[in-house]
Amino acid sequence: MKKVLMTNMSSKGQVVIPNEFRKSLGLTAGSPLAVFTDGSNLMLKPVQLPKVEDFESLLRESRKAARAAGLKRSDIRKIIKKVRSER
């Protein structure tokens, strides 16, 4: 269900997100938000930061895949250096 509530922007560009929305989205002080615009609309989207455990699991899987492909650490360093230099 879509719901519309009104808010105002302060002289410093600050916007208060209505309490009802903060509660329903689980937002607290310091919650990261991505800000998007298409030129006429503005959207705030909560950003879910990955859990450390998820990152560690991804890292383990990446290491397994690299070993299975026969890659060494020196190979990966070279690949990273090459990709960074192409930017």
PDB file of N, CA and C in Angstrom:
ATOM      1  N   MET A   1       0.839  -1.175   0.000  1.00  0.00           N
ATOM      2  CA  MET A   1       0.000   0.000   0.000  1.00  0.00           C
ATOM      3  C   MET A   1       0.886   1.240   0.000  1.00  0.00           C
ATOM      4  N   LYS A   2       0.638   2.151  -0.921  1.00  0.00           N
ATOM      5  CA  LYS A   2       1.385   3.399  -0.986  1.00  0.00           C
ATOM      6  C   LYS A   2       0.750   4.401  -0.041  1.00  0.00           C
ATOM      7  N   LYS A   3       1.610   5.131   0.631  1.00  0.00           N
ATOM      8  CA  LYS A   3       1.126   6.150   1.554  1.00  0.00           C
ATOM      9  C   LYS A   3       1.942   7.411   1.320  1.00  0.00           C
ATOM     10  N   VAL A   4       1.307   8.537   1.369  1.00  0.00           N
ATOM     11  CA  VAL A   4       1.977   9.822   1.163  1.00  0.00           C
ATOM     12  C   VAL A   4       1.833  10.659   2.427  1.00  0.00           C
ATOM     13  N   LEU A   5       2.953  11.123   2.937  1.00  0.00           N
ATOM     14  CA  LEU A   5       2.972  12.073   4.045  1.00  0.00           C
ATOM     15  C   LEU A   5       3.797  13.270   3.598  1.00  0.00           C
ATOM     16  N   MET A   6       3.561  14.408   4.165  1.00  0.00           N
ATOM     17  CA  MET A   6       4.271  15.629   3.772  1.00  0.00           C
ATOM     18  C   MET A   6       5.357  15.964   4.788  1.00  0.00           C
ATOM     19  N   THR A   7       6.436  16.567   4.286  1.00  0.00           N
ATOM     20  CA  THR A   7       7.519  17.053   5.123  1.00  0.00           C
ATOM     21  C   THR A   7       8.062  18.310   4.455  1.00  0.00           C
ATOM     22  N   ASN A   8       8.932  19.024   5.119  1.00  0.00           N
ATOM     23  CA  ASN A   8       9.527  20.242   4.565  1.00  0.00           C
ATOM     24  C   ASN A   8      11.035  20.158   4.644  1.00  0.00           C
ATOM     25  N   MET A   9      11.693  20.884   3.759  1.00  0.00           N
ATOM     26  CA  MET A   9      13.147  20.947   3.776  1.00  0.00           C
ATOM     27  C   MET A   9      13.568  22.204   4.532  1.00  0.00           C
ATOM     28  N   SER A  10      14.588  22.059   5.385  1.00  0.00           N
ATOM     29  CA  SER A  10      15.087  23.203   6.143  1.00  0.00           C
ATOM     30  C   SER A  10      15.985  24.067   5.263  1.00  0.00           C
ATOM     31  N   SER A  11      16.403  25.213   5.782  1.00  0.00           N
ATOM     32  CA  SER A  11      17.296  26.101   5.036  1.00  0.00           C
ATOM     33  C   SER A  11      18.657  25.457   4.789  1.00  0.00           C
ATOM     34  N   LYS A  12      18.991  24.419   5.559  1.00  0.00           N
ATOM     35  CA  LYS A  12      20.251  23.699   5.388  1.00  0.00           C
ATOM     36  C   LYS A  12      20.090  22.478   4.482  1.00  0.00           C
ATOM     37  N   GLY A  13      18.908  22.294   3.894  1.00  0.00           N
ATOM     38  CA  GLY A  13      18.672  21.161   3.010  1.00  0.00           C
ATOM     39  C   GLY A  13      18.303  19.884   3.742  1.00  0.00           C
ATOM     40  N   GLN A  14      18.016  19.984   5.024  1.00  0.00           N
ATOM     41  CA  GLN A  14      17.667  18.800   5.813  1.00  0.00           C
ATOM     42  C   GLN A  14      16.177  18.503   5.698  1.00  0.00           C
ATOM     43  N   VAL A  15      15.868  17.193   5.636  1.00  0.00           N
ATOM     44  CA  VAL A  15      14.480  16.752   5.534  1.00  0.00           C
ATOM     45  C   VAL A  15      14.203  15.774   6.665  1.00  0.00           C
ATOM     46  N   VAL A  16      13.068  15.936   7.309  1.00  0.00           N
ATOM     47  CA  VAL A  16      12.660  15.006   8.355  1.00  0.00           C
ATOM     48  C   VAL A  16      11.826  13.908   7.709  1.00  0.00           C
ATOM     49  N   ILE A  17      12.247  12.660   7.906  1.00  0.00           N
ATOM     50  CA  ILE A  17      11.460  11.522   7.430  1.00  0.00           C
ATOM     51  C   ILE A  17      10.406  11.255   8.494  1.00  0.00           C
ATOM     52  N   PRO A  18       9.133  11.247   8.113  1.00  0.00           N
ATOM     53  CA  PRO A  18       8.078  11.048   9.108  1.00  0.00           C
ATOM     54  C   PRO A  18       8.306   9.793   9.954  1.00  0.00           C
ATOM     55  N   ASN A  19       8.010   9.901  11.240  1.00  0.00           N
ATOM     56  CA  ASN A  19       8.229   8.831  12.205  1.00  0.00           C
ATOM     57  C   ASN A  19       7.598   7.508  11.759  1.00  0.00           C
ATOM     58  N   GLU A  20       6.411   7.579  11.208  1.00  0.00           N
ATOM     59  CA  GLU A  20       5.709   6.366  10.750  1.00  0.00           C
ATOM     60  C   GLU A  20       6.556   5.595   9.732  1.00  0.00           C
ATOM     61  N   PHE A  21       7.178   6.327   8.804  1.00  0.00           N
ATOM     62  CA  PHE A  21       8.025   5.685   7.793  1.00  0.00           C
ATOM     63  C   PHE A  21       9.320   5.164   8.414  1.00  0.00           C
ATOM     64  N   ARG A  22       9.906   5.964   9.318  1.00  0.00           N
ATOM     65  CA  ARG A  22      11.146   5.517   9.977  1.00  0.00           C
ATOM     66  C   ARG A  22      10.919   4.207  10.711  1.00  0.00           C
ATOM     67  N   LYS A  23       9.809   4.134  11.444  1.00  0.00           N
ATOM     68  CA  LYS A  23       9.506   2.912  12.199  1.00  0.00           C
ATOM     69  C   LYS A  23       9.262   1.729  11.273  1.00  0.00           C
ATOM     70  N   SER A  24       8.450   1.933  10.239  1.00  0.00           N
ATOM     71  CA  SER A  24       8.095   0.811   9.368  1.00  0.00           C
ATOM     72  C   SER A  24       9.305   0.296   8.581  1.00  0.00           C
ATOM     73  N   LEU A  25      10.289   1.164   8.320  1.00  0.00           N
ATOM     74  CA  LEU A  25      11.489   0.761   7.587  1.00  0.00           C
ATOM     75  C   LEU A  25      12.655   0.417   8.504  1.00  0.00           C
ATOM     76  N   GLY A  26      12.462   0.587   9.808  1.00  0.00           N
ATOM     77  CA  GLY A  26      13.520   0.274  10.766  1.00  0.00           C
ATOM     78  C   GLY A  26      14.691   1.236  10.703  1.00  0.00           C
ATOM     79  N   LEU A  27      14.420   2.483  10.350  1.00  0.00           N
ATOM     80  CA  LEU A  27      15.483   3.491  10.242  1.00  0.00           C
ATOM     81  C   LEU A  27      15.764   4.111  11.600  1.00  0.00           C
ATOM     82  N   THR A  28      17.042   4.296  11.890  1.00  0.00           N
ATOM     83  CA  THR A  28      17.468   4.964  13.115  1.00  0.00           C
ATOM     84  C   THR A  28      18.505   6.014  12.736  1.00  0.00           C
ATOM     85  N   ALA A  29      18.901   6.830  13.695  1.00  0.00           N
ATOM     86  CA  ALA A  29      19.915   7.855  13.429  1.00  0.00           C
ATOM     87  C   ALA A  29      21.154   7.184  12.847  1.00  0.00           C
ATOM     88  N   GLY A  30      21.643   7.718  11.761  1.00  0.00           N
ATOM     89  CA  GLY A  30      22.837   7.175  11.121  1.00  0.00           C
ATOM     90  C   GLY A  30      22.553   6.097  10.083  1.00  0.00           C
ATOM     91  N   SER A  31      21.277   5.731   9.884  1.00  0.00           N
ATOM     92  CA  SER A  31      20.951   4.728   8.863  1.00  0.00           C
ATOM     93  C   SER A  31      21.378   5.249   7.489  1.00  0.00           C
ATOM     94  N   PRO A  32      22.110   4.441   6.715  1.00  0.00           N
ATOM     95  CA  PRO A  32      22.538   4.909   5.397  1.00  0.00           C
ATOM     96  C   PRO A  32      21.376   4.922   4.411  1.00  0.00           C
ATOM     97  N   LEU A  33      21.305   5.991   3.621  1.00  0.00           N
ATOM     98  CA  LEU A  33      20.269   6.151   2.610  1.00  0.00           C
ATOM     99  C   LEU A  33      20.915   6.525   1.282  1.00  0.00           C
ATOM    100  N   ALA A  34      20.476   5.888   0.212  1.00  0.00           N
ATOM    101  CA  ALA A  34      20.905   6.287  -1.135  1.00  0.00           C
ATOM    102  C   ALA A  34      19.892   7.320  -1.620  1.00  0.00           C
ATOM    103  N   VAL A  35      20.366   8.346  -2.332  1.00  0.00           N
ATOM    104  CA  VAL A  35      19.497   9.403  -2.837  1.00  0.00           C
ATOM    105  C   VAL A  35      19.553   9.370  -4.357  1.00  0.00           C
ATOM    106  N   PHE A  36      18.374   9.273  -4.997  1.00  0.00           N
ATOM    107  CA  PHE A  36      18.280   9.194  -6.447  1.00  0.00           C
ATOM    108  C   PHE A  36      17.417  10.329  -6.977  1.00  0.00           C
ATOM    109  N   THR A  37      17.684  10.730  -8.217  1.00  0.00           N
ATOM    110  CA  THR A  37      16.798  11.678  -8.896  1.00  0.00           C
ATOM    111  C   THR A  37      16.797  11.367 -10.386  1.00  0.00           C
ATOM    112  N   ASP A  38      15.667  11.632 -11.026  1.00  0.00           N
ATOM    113  CA  ASP A  38      15.577  11.532 -12.483  1.00  0.00           C
ATOM    114  C   ASP A  38      15.435  12.924 -13.084  1.00  0.00           C
ATOM    115  N   GLY A  39      15.675  13.929 -12.279  1.00  0.00           N
ATOM    116  CA  GLY A  39      15.583  15.306 -12.732  1.00  0.00           C
ATOM    117  C   GLY A  39      14.343  16.022 -12.223  1.00  0.00           C
ATOM    118  N   SER A  40      13.296  15.257 -11.920  1.00  0.00           N
ATOM    119  CA  SER A  40      12.094  15.896 -11.385  1.00  0.00           C
ATOM    120  C   SER A  40      11.566  15.189 -10.141  1.00  0.00           C
ATOM    121  N   ASN A  41      12.045  13.988  -9.870  1.00  0.00           N
ATOM    122  CA  ASN A  41      11.640  13.232  -8.683  1.00  0.00           C
ATOM    123  C   ASN A  41      12.852  12.949  -7.823  1.00  0.00           C
ATOM    124  N   LEU A  42      12.595  12.791  -6.545  1.00  0.00           N
ATOM    125  CA  LEU A  42      13.654  12.499  -5.585  1.00  0.00           C
ATOM    126  C   LEU A  42      13.236  11.267  -4.799  1.00  0.00           C
ATOM    127  N   MET A  43      14.150  10.318  -4.645  1.00  0.00           N
ATOM    128  CA  MET A  43      13.821   9.109  -3.906  1.00  0.00           C
ATOM    129  C   MET A  43      14.934   8.802  -2.917  1.00  0.00           C
ATOM    130  N   LEU A  44      14.558   8.458  -1.704  1.00  0.00           N
ATOM    131  CA  LEU A  44      15.492   7.996  -0.687  1.00  0.00           C
ATOM    132  C   LEU A  44      15.280   6.494  -0.551  1.00  0.00           C
ATOM    133  N   LYS A  45      16.362   5.740  -0.542  1.00  0.00           N
ATOM    134  CA  LYS A  45      16.249   4.293  -0.398  1.00  0.00           C
ATOM    135  C   LYS A  45      17.198   3.827   0.688  1.00  0.00           C
ATOM    136  N   PRO A  46      16.669   3.136   1.700  1.00  0.00           N
ATOM    137  CA  PRO A  46      17.558   2.607   2.735  1.00  0.00           C
ATOM    138  C   PRO A  46      18.560   1.633   2.111  1.00  0.00           C
ATOM    139  N   VAL A  47      19.786   1.684   2.590  1.00  0.00           N
ATOM    140  CA  VAL A  47      20.838   0.802   2.092  1.00  0.00           C
ATOM    141  C   VAL A  47      21.114  -0.243   3.165  1.00  0.00           C
ATOM    142  N   GLN A  48      21.000  -1.497   2.786  1.00  0.00           N
ATOM    143  CA  GLN A  48      21.313  -2.584   3.706  1.00  0.00           C
ATOM    144  C   GLN A  48      22.779  -2.936   3.537  1.00  0.00           C
ATOM    145  N   LEU A  49      23.586  -2.638   4.523  1.00  0.00           N
ATOM    146  CA  LEU A  49      24.999  -2.970   4.457  1.00  0.00           C
ATOM    147  C   LEU A  49      25.164  -4.467   4.681  1.00  0.00           C
ATOM    148  N   PRO A  50      26.072  -5.090   3.933  1.00  0.00           N
ATOM    149  CA  PRO A  50      26.247  -6.537   4.105  1.00  0.00           C
ATOM    150  C   PRO A  50      26.818  -6.863   5.477  1.00  0.00           C
ATOM    151  N   LYS A  51      26.446  -8.030   5.979  1.00  0.00           N
ATOM    152  CA  LYS A  51      26.986  -8.494   7.248  1.00  0.00           C
ATOM    153  C   LYS A  51      28.410  -8.982   7.019  1.00  0.00           C
ATOM    154  N   VAL A  52      29.246  -8.850   8.006  1.00  0.00           N
ATOM    155  CA  VAL A  52      30.637  -9.294   7.907  1.00  0.00           C
ATOM    156  C   VAL A  52      30.682 -10.779   7.564  1.00  0.00           C
ATOM    157  N   GLU A  53      29.779 -11.560   8.144  1.00  0.00           N
ATOM    158  CA  GLU A  53      29.752 -12.997   7.886  1.00  0.00           C
ATOM    159  C   GLU A  53      29.483 -13.289   6.413  1.00  0.00           C
ATOM    160  N   ASP A  54      28.594 -12.504   5.789  1.00  0.00           N
ATOM    161  CA  ASP A  54      28.295 -12.694   4.370  1.00  0.00           C
ATOM    162  C   ASP A  54      29.522 -12.384   3.519  1.00  0.00           C
ATOM    163  N   PHE A  55      30.240 -11.308   3.879  1.00  0.00           N
ATOM    164  CA  PHE A  55      31.443 -10.939   3.142  1.00  0.00           C
ATOM    165  C   PHE A  55      32.503 -12.029   3.280  1.00  0.00           C
ATOM    166  N   GLU A  56      32.679 -12.546   4.502  1.00  0.00           N
ATOM    167  CA  GLU A  56      33.676 -13.597   4.725  1.00  0.00           C
ATOM    168  C   GLU A  56      33.329 -14.856   3.942  1.00  0.00           C
ATOM    169  N   SER A  57      32.050 -15.194   3.852  1.00  0.00           N
ATOM    170  CA  SER A  57      31.607 -16.350   3.078  1.00  0.00           C
ATOM    171  C   SER A  57      31.913 -16.149   1.596  1.00  0.00           C
ATOM    172  N   LEU A  58      31.642 -14.965   1.084  1.00  0.00           N
ATOM    173  CA  LEU A  58      31.940 -14.644  -0.311  1.00  0.00           C
ATOM    174  C   LEU A  58      33.438 -14.726  -0.574  1.00  0.00           C
ATOM    175  N   LEU A  59      34.224 -14.245   0.367  1.00  0.00           N
ATOM    176  CA  LEU A  59      35.674 -14.295   0.237  1.00  0.00           C
ATOM    177  C   LEU A  59      36.173 -15.744   0.180  1.00  0.00           C
ATOM    178  N   ARG A  60      35.632 -16.615   1.048  1.00  0.00           N
ATOM    179  CA  ARG A  60      36.015 -18.035   1.031  1.00  0.00           C
ATOM    180  C   ARG A  60      35.686 -18.673  -0.314  1.00  0.00           C
ATOM    181  N   GLU A  61      34.492 -18.395  -0.826  1.00  0.00           N
ATOM    182  CA  GLU A  61      34.082 -18.960  -2.120  1.00  0.00           C
ATOM    183  C   GLU A  61      34.968 -18.448  -3.252  1.00  0.00           C
ATOM    184  N   SER A  62      35.340 -17.166  -3.189  1.00  0.00           N
ATOM    185  CA  SER A  62      36.218 -16.579  -4.215  1.00  0.00           C
ATOM    186  C   SER A  62      37.598 -17.235  -4.186  1.00  0.00           C
ATOM    187  N   ARG A  63      38.092 -17.484  -2.988  1.00  0.00           N
ATOM    188  CA  ARG A  63      39.397 -18.142  -2.862  1.00  0.00           C
ATOM    189  C   ARG A  63      39.351 -19.557  -3.424  1.00  0.00           C
ATOM    190  N   LYS A  64      38.264 -20.292  -3.138  1.00  0.00           N
ATOM    191  CA  LYS A  64      38.109 -21.647  -3.682  1.00  0.00           C
ATOM    192  C   LYS A  64      38.096 -21.616  -5.206  1.00  0.00           C
ATOM    193  N   ALA A  65      37.353 -20.676  -5.770  1.00  0.00           N
ATOM    194  CA  ALA A  65      37.253 -20.562  -7.232  1.00  0.00           C
ATOM    195  C   ALA A  65      38.608 -20.216  -7.836  1.00  0.00           C
ATOM    196  N   ALA A  66      39.351 -19.328  -7.180  1.00  0.00           N
ATOM    197  CA  ALA A  66      40.681 -18.948  -7.681  1.00  0.00           C
ATOM    198  C   ALA A  66      41.622 -20.148  -7.653  1.00  0.00           C
ATOM    199  N   ARG A  67      41.585 -20.924  -6.559  1.00  0.00           N
ATOM    200  CA  ARG A  67      42.423 -22.127  -6.467  1.00  0.00           C
ATOM    201  C   ARG A  67      42.054 -23.130  -7.552  1.00  0.00           C
ATOM    202  N   ALA A  68      40.742 -23.330  -7.749  1.00  0.00           N
ATOM    203  CA  ALA A  68      40.274 -24.276  -8.765  1.00  0.00           C
ATOM    204  C   ALA A  68      40.703 -23.847 -10.167  1.00  0.00           C
ATOM    205  N   ALA A  69      40.830 -22.538 -10.380  1.00  0.00           N
ATOM    206  CA  ALA A  69      41.258 -22.017 -11.679  1.00  0.00           C
ATOM    207  C   ALA A  69      42.778 -21.987 -11.811  1.00  0.00           C
ATOM    208  N   GLY A  70      43.478 -22.372 -10.732  1.00  0.00           N
ATOM    209  CA  GLY A  70      44.937 -22.395 -10.772  1.00  0.00           C
ATOM    210  C   GLY A  70      45.596 -21.039 -10.611  1.00  0.00           C
ATOM    211  N   LEU A  71      44.857 -20.078 -10.074  1.00  0.00           N
ATOM    212  CA  LEU A  71      45.414 -18.736  -9.876  1.00  0.00           C
ATOM    213  C   LEU A  71      46.210 -18.663  -8.580  1.00  0.00           C
ATOM    214  N   LYS A  72      47.308 -17.885  -8.639  1.00  0.00           N
ATOM    215  CA  LYS A  72      48.112 -17.629  -7.447  1.00  0.00           C
ATOM    216  C   LYS A  72      47.860 -16.187  -7.014  1.00  0.00           C
ATOM    217  N   ARG A  73      48.286 -15.868  -5.788  1.00  0.00           N
ATOM    218  CA  ARG A  73      48.114 -14.489  -5.305  1.00  0.00           C
ATOM    219  C   ARG A  73      48.781 -13.481  -6.237  1.00  0.00           C
ATOM    220  N   SER A  74      49.936 -13.836  -6.751  1.00  0.00           N
ATOM    221  CA  SER A  74      50.645 -12.914  -7.650  1.00  0.00           C
ATOM    222  C   SER A  74      49.834 -12.676  -8.927  1.00  0.00           C
ATOM    223  N   ASP A  75      49.132 -13.711  -9.410  1.00  0.00           N
ATOM    224  CA  ASP A  75      48.283 -13.543 -10.594  1.00  0.00           C
ATOM    225  C   ASP A  75      47.151 -12.560 -10.310  1.00  0.00           C
ATOM    226  N   ILE A  76      46.556 -12.713  -9.143  1.00  0.00           N
ATOM    227  CA  ILE A  76      45.427 -11.845  -8.775  1.00  0.00           C
ATOM    228  C   ILE A  76      45.898 -10.408  -8.603  1.00  0.00           C
ATOM    229  N   ARG A  77      47.074 -10.229  -7.990  1.00  0.00           N
ATOM    230  CA  ARG A  77      47.617  -8.861  -7.847  1.00  0.00           C
ATOM    231  C   ARG A  77      47.828  -8.215  -9.215  1.00  0.00           C
ATOM    232  N   LYS A  78      48.356  -8.989 -10.170  1.00  0.00           N
ATOM    233  CA  LYS A  78      48.575  -8.459 -11.527  1.00  0.00           C
ATOM    234  C   LYS A  78      47.259  -8.073 -12.183  1.00  0.00           C
ATOM    235  N   ILE A  79      46.246  -8.915 -12.007  1.00  0.00           N
ATOM    236  CA  ILE A  79      44.934  -8.627 -12.595  1.00  0.00           C
ATOM    237  C   ILE A  79      44.353  -7.349 -11.993  1.00  0.00           C
ATOM    238  N   ILE A  80      44.435  -7.217 -10.676  1.00  0.00           N
ATOM    239  CA  ILE A  80      43.917  -6.017 -10.001  1.00  0.00           C
ATOM    240  C   ILE A  80      44.643  -4.775 -10.488  1.00  0.00           C
ATOM    241  N   LYS A  81      45.973  -4.861 -10.581  1.00  0.00           N
ATOM    242  CA  LYS A  81      46.769  -3.719 -11.047  1.00  0.00           C
ATOM    243  C   LYS A  81      46.378  -3.330 -12.457  1.00  0.00           C
ATOM    244  N   LYS A  82      46.170  -4.324 -13.327  1.00  0.00           N
ATOM    245  CA  LYS A  82      45.791  -4.064 -14.714  1.00  0.00           C
ATOM    246  C   LYS A  82      44.434  -3.381 -14.793  1.00  0.00           C
ATOM    247  N   VAL A  83      43.453  -3.897 -14.054  1.00  0.00           N
ATOM    248  CA  VAL A  83      42.106  -3.325 -14.078  1.00  0.00           C
ATOM    249  C   VAL A  83      42.122  -1.895 -13.544  1.00  0.00           C
ATOM    250  N   ARG A  84      42.862  -1.657 -12.474  1.00  0.00           N
ATOM    251  CA  ARG A  84      42.935  -0.304 -11.904  1.00  0.00           C
ATOM    252  C   ARG A  84      43.593   0.681 -12.869  1.00  0.00           C
ATOM    253  N   SER A  85      44.584   0.224 -13.620  1.00  0.00           N
ATOM    254  CA  SER A  85      45.269   1.120 -14.555  1.00  0.00           C
ATOM    255  C   SER A  85      44.399   1.454 -15.764  1.00  0.00           C
ATOM    256  N   GLU A  86      43.400   0.617 -16.058  1.00  0.00           N
ATOM    257  CA  GLU A  86      42.517   0.840 -17.204  1.00  0.00           C
ATOM    258  C   GLU A  86      41.420   1.856 -16.904  1.00  0.00           C
ATOM    259  N   ARG A  87      41.258   2.228 -15.664  1.00  0.00           N
ATOM    260  CA  ARG A  87      40.195   3.188 -15.310  1.00  0.00           C
ATOM    261  C   ARG A  87      40.541   4.565 -15.733  1.00  0.00           C
TER     262      ARG A  87
END
